[in-house]
N, C-alpha and C. Protein backbone atom coordinates (compact mmCIF):
# COMPACT_ATOMS: atom_id res chain seq x y z
N MET A 1 11.48 -51.11 -22.88
CA MET A 1 10.77 -50.68 -21.68
C MET A 1 10.36 -51.93 -20.90
N GLY A 2 10.57 -51.95 -19.63
CA GLY A 2 10.29 -53.12 -18.81
C GLY A 2 8.94 -53.04 -18.15
N PHE A 3 8.71 -53.95 -17.24
CA PHE A 3 7.46 -53.99 -16.51
C PHE A 3 7.48 -52.99 -15.37
N ALA A 4 6.32 -52.50 -14.99
CA ALA A 4 6.21 -51.63 -13.83
C ALA A 4 6.42 -52.47 -12.58
N PRO A 5 7.07 -51.92 -11.56
CA PRO A 5 7.32 -52.68 -10.34
C PRO A 5 6.01 -53.16 -9.73
N GLY A 6 5.97 -54.44 -9.37
CA GLY A 6 4.80 -54.98 -8.70
C GLY A 6 3.65 -55.32 -9.63
N TRP A 7 3.81 -55.11 -10.93
CA TRP A 7 2.71 -55.37 -11.86
C TRP A 7 2.77 -56.84 -12.28
N PRO A 8 1.62 -57.53 -12.25
CA PRO A 8 1.64 -58.93 -12.67
C PRO A 8 1.96 -59.04 -14.15
N HIS A 9 2.83 -59.96 -14.50
CA HIS A 9 3.23 -60.15 -15.89
C HIS A 9 2.18 -61.01 -16.58
N GLY A 10 1.25 -60.40 -17.24
CA GLY A 10 0.19 -61.15 -17.91
C GLY A 10 -0.69 -60.23 -18.72
N GLU A 11 -1.89 -60.68 -18.98
CA GLU A 11 -2.82 -59.93 -19.80
C GLU A 11 -3.50 -58.84 -19.01
N VAL A 12 -3.92 -57.80 -19.70
CA VAL A 12 -4.70 -56.74 -19.11
C VAL A 12 -6.17 -57.06 -19.35
N ALA A 13 -7.00 -56.96 -18.33
CA ALA A 13 -8.41 -57.30 -18.45
C ALA A 13 -9.06 -56.46 -19.54
N GLY A 14 -9.84 -57.12 -20.40
CA GLY A 14 -10.57 -56.40 -21.43
C GLY A 14 -9.78 -56.19 -22.71
N CYS A 15 -8.49 -56.53 -22.71
CA CYS A 15 -7.67 -56.34 -23.90
C CYS A 15 -7.40 -57.68 -24.55
N SER A 16 -6.94 -57.62 -25.76
CA SER A 16 -6.62 -58.86 -26.45
C SER A 16 -5.43 -59.54 -25.79
N PRO A 17 -5.35 -60.86 -25.89
CA PRO A 17 -4.23 -61.57 -25.29
C PRO A 17 -2.91 -61.06 -25.84
N GLY A 18 -1.91 -61.05 -25.00
CA GLY A 18 -0.58 -60.63 -25.42
C GLY A 18 -0.29 -59.18 -25.13
N VAL A 19 -1.27 -58.40 -24.65
CA VAL A 19 -1.01 -57.02 -24.29
C VAL A 19 -0.35 -57.03 -22.93
N VAL A 20 0.88 -56.61 -22.88
CA VAL A 20 1.65 -56.67 -21.66
C VAL A 20 1.88 -55.25 -21.15
N PRO A 21 1.60 -54.99 -19.87
CA PRO A 21 1.85 -53.66 -19.32
C PRO A 21 3.30 -53.25 -19.50
N GLY A 22 3.51 -52.03 -19.93
CA GLY A 22 4.85 -51.50 -20.08
C GLY A 22 5.45 -51.73 -21.46
N ALA A 23 4.81 -52.55 -22.30
CA ALA A 23 5.33 -52.81 -23.63
C ALA A 23 5.09 -51.59 -24.51
N VAL A 24 6.01 -51.34 -25.43
CA VAL A 24 5.87 -50.21 -26.33
C VAL A 24 5.11 -50.69 -27.56
N ILE A 25 3.86 -50.27 -27.67
CA ILE A 25 2.99 -50.66 -28.77
C ILE A 25 2.30 -49.40 -29.27
N ALA A 26 2.12 -49.30 -30.56
CA ALA A 26 1.43 -48.14 -31.13
C ALA A 26 -0.04 -48.19 -30.77
N LEU A 27 -0.67 -47.01 -30.71
CA LEU A 27 -2.09 -46.92 -30.46
C LEU A 27 -2.87 -47.55 -31.60
N PRO A 28 -4.10 -48.02 -31.34
CA PRO A 28 -4.95 -48.48 -32.44
C PRO A 28 -5.13 -47.35 -33.45
N SER A 29 -5.44 -47.73 -34.67
CA SER A 29 -5.49 -46.75 -35.75
C SER A 29 -6.44 -45.59 -35.46
N ASP A 30 -7.54 -45.83 -34.74
CA ASP A 30 -8.49 -44.76 -34.47
C ASP A 30 -8.02 -43.83 -33.35
N LEU A 31 -6.93 -44.19 -32.67
CA LEU A 31 -6.41 -43.33 -31.61
C LEU A 31 -5.03 -42.78 -31.92
N GLN A 32 -4.49 -43.10 -33.08
CA GLN A 32 -3.13 -42.67 -33.39
C GLN A 32 -3.06 -41.15 -33.40
N GLN A 33 -1.98 -40.68 -32.81
CA GLN A 33 -1.73 -39.24 -32.82
C GLN A 33 -0.67 -38.97 -33.87
N SER A 34 -1.05 -38.22 -34.88
CA SER A 34 -0.11 -37.92 -35.94
C SER A 34 0.33 -36.47 -35.83
N VAL A 35 1.24 -36.10 -36.69
CA VAL A 35 1.69 -34.71 -36.71
C VAL A 35 0.50 -33.83 -37.06
N ALA A 36 0.30 -32.79 -36.25
CA ALA A 36 -0.87 -31.93 -36.42
C ALA A 36 -0.77 -31.11 -37.69
N THR A 37 -1.80 -31.22 -38.52
CA THR A 37 -1.90 -30.37 -39.69
C THR A 37 -2.90 -29.27 -39.36
N SER A 38 -3.06 -28.34 -40.24
CA SER A 38 -3.99 -27.25 -39.98
C SER A 38 -5.41 -27.77 -39.80
N GLU A 39 -5.76 -28.85 -40.50
CA GLU A 39 -7.10 -29.43 -40.36
C GLU A 39 -7.27 -30.06 -38.98
N GLU A 40 -6.24 -30.77 -38.48
CA GLU A 40 -6.32 -31.43 -37.19
C GLU A 40 -6.33 -30.44 -36.04
N LYS A 41 -5.73 -29.28 -36.21
CA LYS A 41 -5.70 -28.29 -35.15
C LYS A 41 -7.09 -27.78 -34.81
N THR A 42 -8.02 -27.88 -35.76
CA THR A 42 -9.38 -27.42 -35.50
C THR A 42 -10.16 -28.43 -34.67
N GLN A 43 -9.61 -29.64 -34.51
CA GLN A 43 -10.28 -30.68 -33.74
C GLN A 43 -9.79 -30.66 -32.30
N GLY A 44 -9.75 -29.52 -31.69
CA GLY A 44 -9.26 -29.41 -30.33
C GLY A 44 -10.25 -29.92 -29.30
N PHE A 45 -9.96 -29.63 -28.08
CA PHE A 45 -10.82 -30.03 -26.97
C PHE A 45 -11.21 -28.75 -26.25
N PRO A 46 -12.28 -28.08 -26.70
CA PRO A 46 -12.62 -26.75 -26.19
C PRO A 46 -13.03 -26.77 -24.72
N LYS A 47 -12.95 -25.61 -24.10
CA LYS A 47 -13.26 -25.49 -22.68
C LYS A 47 -14.70 -25.89 -22.35
N ASP A 48 -15.63 -25.66 -23.27
CA ASP A 48 -17.02 -26.02 -22.97
C ASP A 48 -17.24 -27.53 -23.03
N ALA A 49 -16.23 -28.30 -23.45
CA ALA A 49 -16.32 -29.76 -23.44
C ALA A 49 -15.61 -30.35 -22.22
N ARG A 50 -15.13 -29.47 -21.32
CA ARG A 50 -14.40 -29.93 -20.14
C ARG A 50 -15.10 -29.49 -18.87
N LEU A 51 -14.95 -30.28 -17.83
CA LEU A 51 -15.37 -29.86 -16.50
C LEU A 51 -14.16 -29.17 -15.89
N LEU A 52 -14.32 -27.92 -15.47
CA LEU A 52 -13.19 -27.15 -14.98
C LEU A 52 -13.33 -26.71 -13.54
N VAL A 53 -14.55 -26.64 -13.05
CA VAL A 53 -14.81 -26.06 -11.73
C VAL A 53 -15.05 -27.18 -10.72
N SER A 54 -14.55 -26.99 -9.53
CA SER A 54 -14.65 -28.00 -8.48
C SER A 54 -16.09 -28.42 -8.20
N ARG A 55 -17.01 -27.47 -8.22
CA ARG A 55 -18.41 -27.81 -7.92
C ARG A 55 -19.02 -28.71 -9.00
N ASP A 56 -18.55 -28.59 -10.26
CA ASP A 56 -19.02 -29.48 -11.32
C ASP A 56 -18.52 -30.91 -11.08
N PHE A 57 -17.25 -31.03 -10.71
CA PHE A 57 -16.69 -32.36 -10.38
C PHE A 57 -17.48 -32.98 -9.23
N THR A 58 -17.72 -32.20 -8.19
CA THR A 58 -18.43 -32.69 -7.01
C THR A 58 -19.84 -33.13 -7.37
N ALA A 59 -20.54 -32.35 -8.19
CA ALA A 59 -21.91 -32.70 -8.58
C ALA A 59 -21.95 -34.02 -9.34
N VAL A 60 -21.03 -34.20 -10.28
CA VAL A 60 -21.00 -35.43 -11.06
C VAL A 60 -20.68 -36.62 -10.16
N MET A 61 -19.73 -36.44 -9.24
CA MET A 61 -19.32 -37.55 -8.39
C MET A 61 -20.40 -37.92 -7.37
N ARG A 62 -21.20 -36.96 -6.95
CA ARG A 62 -22.26 -37.24 -5.98
C ARG A 62 -23.53 -37.78 -6.64
N GLN A 63 -23.92 -37.20 -7.77
CA GLN A 63 -25.20 -37.53 -8.37
C GLN A 63 -25.10 -38.56 -9.50
N GLY A 64 -23.89 -38.79 -10.00
CA GLY A 64 -23.74 -39.70 -11.13
C GLY A 64 -23.57 -41.14 -10.72
N ARG A 65 -23.59 -41.99 -11.72
CA ARG A 65 -23.34 -43.42 -11.52
C ARG A 65 -21.86 -43.65 -11.73
N ARG A 66 -21.33 -44.71 -11.14
CA ARG A 66 -19.90 -44.95 -11.30
C ARG A 66 -19.62 -46.39 -11.69
N LYS A 67 -18.52 -46.53 -12.38
CA LYS A 67 -18.05 -47.84 -12.80
C LYS A 67 -16.53 -47.77 -12.82
N GLY A 68 -15.89 -48.84 -12.41
CA GLY A 68 -14.44 -48.82 -12.36
C GLY A 68 -13.82 -50.09 -12.86
N ASN A 69 -12.52 -50.00 -13.12
CA ASN A 69 -11.71 -51.17 -13.44
C ASN A 69 -10.35 -50.97 -12.79
N ALA A 70 -9.38 -51.74 -13.18
CA ALA A 70 -8.07 -51.67 -12.53
C ALA A 70 -7.34 -50.35 -12.78
N LEU A 71 -7.67 -49.65 -13.86
CA LEU A 71 -6.92 -48.45 -14.23
C LEU A 71 -7.66 -47.15 -13.97
N PHE A 72 -9.00 -47.16 -14.05
CA PHE A 72 -9.77 -45.92 -13.94
C PHE A 72 -11.04 -46.14 -13.13
N LEU A 73 -11.58 -45.04 -12.64
CA LEU A 73 -12.91 -45.00 -12.06
C LEU A 73 -13.66 -43.91 -12.83
N LEU A 74 -14.82 -44.26 -13.37
CA LEU A 74 -15.60 -43.33 -14.19
C LEU A 74 -16.90 -43.00 -13.49
N HIS A 75 -17.16 -41.71 -13.31
CA HIS A 75 -18.43 -41.21 -12.78
C HIS A 75 -19.16 -40.56 -13.95
N VAL A 76 -20.43 -40.92 -14.18
CA VAL A 76 -21.21 -40.36 -15.28
C VAL A 76 -22.55 -39.89 -14.75
N TRP A 77 -22.89 -38.65 -15.11
CA TRP A 77 -24.18 -38.07 -14.73
C TRP A 77 -24.86 -37.61 -16.01
N LEU A 78 -26.03 -38.18 -16.31
CA LEU A 78 -26.78 -37.78 -17.50
C LEU A 78 -27.64 -36.57 -17.20
N ARG A 79 -27.43 -35.52 -17.97
CA ARG A 79 -28.21 -34.29 -17.85
C ARG A 79 -28.79 -33.97 -19.22
N PRO A 80 -30.03 -34.38 -19.49
CA PRO A 80 -30.61 -34.18 -20.82
C PRO A 80 -30.54 -32.71 -21.26
N GLY A 81 -30.17 -32.53 -22.52
CA GLY A 81 -30.10 -31.19 -23.08
C GLY A 81 -28.75 -30.53 -22.92
N ALA A 82 -27.86 -31.10 -22.15
CA ALA A 82 -26.54 -30.50 -21.94
C ALA A 82 -25.53 -31.15 -22.89
N ARG A 83 -24.39 -30.51 -23.04
CA ARG A 83 -23.32 -31.04 -23.87
C ARG A 83 -22.51 -32.06 -23.07
N CYS A 84 -21.96 -33.07 -23.76
CA CYS A 84 -21.07 -34.03 -23.10
C CYS A 84 -19.80 -33.33 -22.67
N ARG A 85 -19.41 -33.57 -21.42
CA ARG A 85 -18.23 -32.92 -20.87
C ARG A 85 -17.39 -33.93 -20.11
N LEU A 86 -16.08 -33.67 -20.04
CA LEU A 86 -15.15 -34.58 -19.37
C LEU A 86 -14.31 -33.81 -18.37
N GLY A 87 -14.16 -34.40 -17.19
CA GLY A 87 -13.24 -33.89 -16.18
C GLY A 87 -12.26 -35.00 -15.83
N LEU A 88 -11.00 -34.66 -15.70
CA LEU A 88 -9.96 -35.66 -15.41
C LEU A 88 -9.34 -35.39 -14.05
N THR A 89 -9.08 -36.46 -13.31
CA THR A 89 -8.36 -36.38 -12.06
C THR A 89 -7.24 -37.42 -12.12
N VAL A 90 -6.01 -36.92 -12.14
CA VAL A 90 -4.85 -37.79 -12.19
C VAL A 90 -3.89 -37.34 -11.09
N SER A 91 -3.83 -38.10 -10.01
CA SER A 91 -3.02 -37.69 -8.86
C SER A 91 -1.56 -38.09 -9.03
N ARG A 92 -0.73 -37.64 -8.12
CA ARG A 92 0.70 -37.96 -8.16
C ARG A 92 0.97 -39.44 -7.89
N LYS A 93 -0.02 -40.15 -7.39
CA LYS A 93 0.14 -41.60 -7.18
C LYS A 93 0.32 -42.32 -8.51
N VAL A 94 -0.17 -41.72 -9.59
CA VAL A 94 -0.08 -42.34 -10.91
C VAL A 94 1.37 -42.34 -11.41
N GLY A 95 2.11 -41.31 -11.08
CA GLY A 95 3.51 -41.23 -11.52
C GLY A 95 3.97 -39.80 -11.59
N ASN A 96 5.13 -39.61 -12.19
CA ASN A 96 5.66 -38.25 -12.32
C ASN A 96 4.86 -37.47 -13.36
N ALA A 97 5.23 -36.23 -13.59
CA ALA A 97 4.47 -35.35 -14.47
C ALA A 97 4.36 -35.89 -15.89
N VAL A 98 5.43 -36.49 -16.38
CA VAL A 98 5.42 -37.04 -17.73
C VAL A 98 4.38 -38.16 -17.85
N VAL A 99 4.35 -39.03 -16.87
CA VAL A 99 3.41 -40.16 -16.88
C VAL A 99 1.98 -39.65 -16.72
N ARG A 100 1.76 -38.72 -15.79
CA ARG A 100 0.41 -38.17 -15.58
C ARG A 100 -0.10 -37.49 -16.83
N ASN A 101 0.75 -36.72 -17.50
CA ASN A 101 0.34 -36.03 -18.71
C ASN A 101 0.04 -37.00 -19.84
N ARG A 102 0.77 -38.11 -19.93
CA ARG A 102 0.49 -39.12 -20.95
C ARG A 102 -0.87 -39.75 -20.72
N VAL A 103 -1.18 -40.08 -19.47
CA VAL A 103 -2.48 -40.66 -19.14
C VAL A 103 -3.59 -39.68 -19.49
N LYS A 104 -3.39 -38.41 -19.17
CA LYS A 104 -4.41 -37.39 -19.48
C LYS A 104 -4.57 -37.21 -20.99
N ARG A 105 -3.46 -37.21 -21.73
CA ARG A 105 -3.54 -37.05 -23.19
C ARG A 105 -4.33 -38.19 -23.82
N VAL A 106 -4.05 -39.42 -23.41
CA VAL A 106 -4.75 -40.57 -23.97
C VAL A 106 -6.24 -40.49 -23.63
N ALA A 107 -6.57 -40.14 -22.40
CA ALA A 107 -7.98 -40.06 -21.98
C ALA A 107 -8.71 -38.94 -22.72
N ARG A 108 -8.07 -37.77 -22.84
CA ARG A 108 -8.70 -36.65 -23.56
C ARG A 108 -8.93 -36.99 -25.03
N GLU A 109 -7.94 -37.60 -25.66
CA GLU A 109 -8.07 -37.96 -27.07
C GLU A 109 -9.16 -39.01 -27.26
N TYR A 110 -9.22 -39.99 -26.38
CA TYR A 110 -10.26 -41.01 -26.44
C TYR A 110 -11.64 -40.34 -26.36
N PHE A 111 -11.83 -39.46 -25.39
CA PHE A 111 -13.11 -38.79 -25.20
C PHE A 111 -13.43 -37.90 -26.39
N ARG A 112 -12.44 -37.15 -26.86
CA ARG A 112 -12.67 -36.21 -27.97
C ARG A 112 -13.15 -36.95 -29.21
N GLN A 113 -12.55 -38.10 -29.51
CA GLN A 113 -12.92 -38.83 -30.72
C GLN A 113 -14.26 -39.55 -30.59
N ARG A 114 -14.71 -39.79 -29.36
CA ARG A 114 -15.93 -40.58 -29.17
C ARG A 114 -17.08 -39.81 -28.52
N GLN A 115 -16.92 -38.54 -28.25
CA GLN A 115 -17.98 -37.82 -27.54
C GLN A 115 -19.26 -37.73 -28.35
N ALA A 116 -19.17 -37.76 -29.67
CA ALA A 116 -20.39 -37.72 -30.49
C ALA A 116 -21.18 -39.03 -30.37
N GLN A 117 -20.51 -40.12 -30.00
CA GLN A 117 -21.17 -41.42 -29.86
C GLN A 117 -21.80 -41.60 -28.48
N LEU A 118 -21.43 -40.76 -27.53
CA LEU A 118 -21.96 -40.88 -26.17
C LEU A 118 -23.41 -40.39 -26.11
N ARG A 119 -24.10 -40.85 -25.12
CA ARG A 119 -25.47 -40.39 -24.91
C ARG A 119 -25.45 -38.88 -24.67
N PRO A 120 -26.43 -38.16 -25.18
CA PRO A 120 -26.47 -36.71 -25.00
C PRO A 120 -26.52 -36.34 -23.52
N GLY A 121 -25.75 -35.35 -23.13
CA GLY A 121 -25.79 -34.84 -21.77
C GLY A 121 -24.92 -35.58 -20.77
N CYS A 122 -23.97 -36.38 -21.23
CA CYS A 122 -23.08 -37.10 -20.30
C CYS A 122 -22.06 -36.14 -19.72
N ALA A 123 -22.08 -36.02 -18.41
CA ALA A 123 -21.00 -35.31 -17.72
C ALA A 123 -20.16 -36.40 -17.06
N CYS A 124 -18.89 -36.48 -17.43
CA CYS A 124 -18.04 -37.58 -16.99
C CYS A 124 -16.86 -37.06 -16.18
N VAL A 125 -16.56 -37.74 -15.08
CA VAL A 125 -15.34 -37.49 -14.33
C VAL A 125 -14.57 -38.80 -14.34
N LEU A 126 -13.37 -38.75 -14.88
CA LEU A 126 -12.51 -39.92 -14.99
C LEU A 126 -11.37 -39.78 -14.00
N VAL A 127 -11.29 -40.72 -13.06
CA VAL A 127 -10.25 -40.72 -12.04
C VAL A 127 -9.27 -41.83 -12.37
N ALA A 128 -8.00 -41.45 -12.57
CA ALA A 128 -6.98 -42.46 -12.87
C ALA A 128 -6.50 -43.09 -11.57
N ARG A 129 -6.43 -44.41 -11.57
CA ARG A 129 -5.91 -45.12 -10.40
C ARG A 129 -4.38 -45.19 -10.52
N ALA A 130 -3.72 -45.51 -9.44
CA ALA A 130 -2.26 -45.54 -9.40
C ALA A 130 -1.68 -46.49 -10.45
N THR A 131 -2.39 -47.55 -10.77
CA THR A 131 -1.89 -48.53 -11.73
C THR A 131 -1.89 -48.02 -13.17
N ALA A 132 -2.60 -46.93 -13.46
CA ALA A 132 -2.71 -46.42 -14.83
C ALA A 132 -1.37 -45.94 -15.37
N GLY A 133 -0.48 -45.50 -14.51
CA GLY A 133 0.81 -45.01 -14.97
C GLY A 133 1.76 -46.10 -15.42
N GLY A 134 1.51 -47.33 -15.03
CA GLY A 134 2.43 -48.42 -15.34
C GLY A 134 2.09 -49.21 -16.58
N VAL A 135 1.08 -48.79 -17.32
CA VAL A 135 0.68 -49.54 -18.52
C VAL A 135 0.85 -48.67 -19.76
N ASP A 136 0.84 -49.31 -20.91
CA ASP A 136 1.02 -48.57 -22.16
C ASP A 136 -0.31 -47.96 -22.64
N ASN A 137 -0.22 -47.23 -23.74
CA ASN A 137 -1.39 -46.52 -24.26
C ASN A 137 -2.50 -47.45 -24.74
N VAL A 138 -2.12 -48.61 -25.26
CA VAL A 138 -3.13 -49.56 -25.74
C VAL A 138 -3.95 -50.07 -24.56
N ALA A 139 -3.29 -50.40 -23.46
CA ALA A 139 -4.00 -50.87 -22.28
C ALA A 139 -4.90 -49.78 -21.71
N LEU A 140 -4.44 -48.53 -21.76
CA LEU A 140 -5.29 -47.42 -21.31
C LEU A 140 -6.53 -47.31 -22.18
N ALA A 141 -6.35 -47.42 -23.50
CA ALA A 141 -7.49 -47.33 -24.43
C ALA A 141 -8.46 -48.49 -24.21
N CYS A 142 -7.94 -49.69 -23.95
CA CYS A 142 -8.81 -50.85 -23.67
C CYS A 142 -9.62 -50.63 -22.41
N ALA A 143 -8.98 -50.09 -21.38
CA ALA A 143 -9.67 -49.82 -20.11
C ALA A 143 -10.74 -48.76 -20.30
N LEU A 144 -10.45 -47.73 -21.09
CA LEU A 144 -11.44 -46.68 -21.36
C LEU A 144 -12.61 -47.23 -22.17
N ASP A 145 -12.32 -48.09 -23.14
CA ASP A 145 -13.40 -48.73 -23.91
C ASP A 145 -14.33 -49.51 -23.00
N GLU A 146 -13.76 -50.25 -22.08
CA GLU A 146 -14.55 -51.05 -21.15
C GLU A 146 -15.47 -50.17 -20.30
N LEU A 147 -14.97 -49.02 -19.87
CA LEU A 147 -15.76 -48.14 -19.01
C LEU A 147 -16.82 -47.35 -19.77
N PHE A 148 -16.48 -46.85 -20.94
CA PHE A 148 -17.40 -45.98 -21.67
C PHE A 148 -18.43 -46.74 -22.49
N LYS A 149 -18.22 -48.03 -22.75
CA LYS A 149 -19.12 -48.80 -23.61
C LYS A 149 -20.59 -48.70 -23.21
N PRO A 150 -20.94 -48.80 -21.92
CA PRO A 150 -22.37 -48.70 -21.56
C PRO A 150 -22.97 -47.31 -21.81
N TRP A 151 -22.13 -46.32 -22.02
CA TRP A 151 -22.63 -44.95 -22.17
C TRP A 151 -22.71 -44.50 -23.61
N PHE A 152 -22.38 -45.39 -24.56
CA PHE A 152 -22.55 -45.05 -25.96
C PHE A 152 -24.02 -45.09 -26.30
N ALA A 153 -24.47 -44.14 -27.13
CA ALA A 153 -25.87 -44.09 -27.54
C ALA A 153 -26.16 -45.31 -28.40
N PRO A 154 -27.36 -45.88 -28.27
CA PRO A 154 -27.70 -47.03 -29.10
C PRO A 154 -27.74 -46.65 -30.57
N VAL A 155 -27.26 -47.54 -31.41
CA VAL A 155 -27.25 -47.29 -32.85
C VAL A 155 -28.67 -47.37 -33.36
N GLY A 156 -29.09 -46.33 -34.08
CA GLY A 156 -30.42 -46.31 -34.66
C GLY A 156 -31.52 -45.88 -33.70
N GLY A 157 -31.17 -45.47 -32.50
CA GLY A 157 -32.17 -45.04 -31.53
C GLY A 157 -31.68 -43.85 -30.74
N THR A 158 -32.61 -43.21 -30.04
CA THR A 158 -32.24 -42.05 -29.25
C THR A 158 -32.65 -42.22 -27.80
N SER A 159 -32.75 -43.43 -27.35
CA SER A 159 -33.17 -43.69 -25.98
C SER A 159 -32.18 -43.09 -24.99
N LEU A 160 -32.69 -42.51 -23.93
CA LEU A 160 -31.86 -41.93 -22.88
C LEU A 160 -31.83 -42.81 -21.65
N ARG A 161 -32.25 -44.03 -21.78
CA ARG A 161 -32.26 -44.96 -20.67
C ARG A 161 -30.82 -45.17 -20.16
N VAL A 162 -30.64 -45.11 -18.85
CA VAL A 162 -29.32 -45.28 -18.26
C VAL A 162 -29.00 -46.75 -18.17
N VAL A 163 -27.85 -47.12 -18.74
CA VAL A 163 -27.39 -48.49 -18.67
C VAL A 163 -26.20 -48.52 -17.73
N PRO A 164 -26.27 -49.27 -16.64
CA PRO A 164 -25.16 -49.28 -15.67
C PRO A 164 -23.91 -49.90 -16.23
C-alpha cells in the first residue's frame, strides 16, 4: 500500500516515530479485532451508547468543548448523570464507502473499549477530517488517543472538573 496523494512522507503527530501514513500495520494489541466469538458478540455498541438524532449532535456541537488534530475534530459535552455516548460524522471527503466505514469502525471500537474510562456523562461527537481516510488504523488510534486523553477520568478520583 502506498502513500495517500498529497500526504507528507513522515511521522504522524502524536505517534511513535516510523508510523507512516498508508503503511499496513496491525492495530495495537488493545485494539485488535479478532474473529468474533459468542463472548465477544455480547460486547456490542448498543443504541443507547450512540448519538443518533440530529438535535443531539447539534446540542453537543453547540454546548460542548472541542479539540482537534490533523485527523479528527472532537466535541465533548459533560452532562452529569448521563451515560457516555458517541456520535460519528464521516463525510465523503474522507474517501469512498470502504474507507469511511473503516474510519468509523476504528473510532467505534476505540470508544467502546474506553468508554468506561471516560468521565461520566461525556457526550462526544467525532468529526473525521478529509485526511483521516489516507492513514492506517494505528495512526487513527494515535489521533484518537491524543483527543480523548483529557477526557479520561482521573485514576483514584471522581472529579468532574473539565480539562480542556
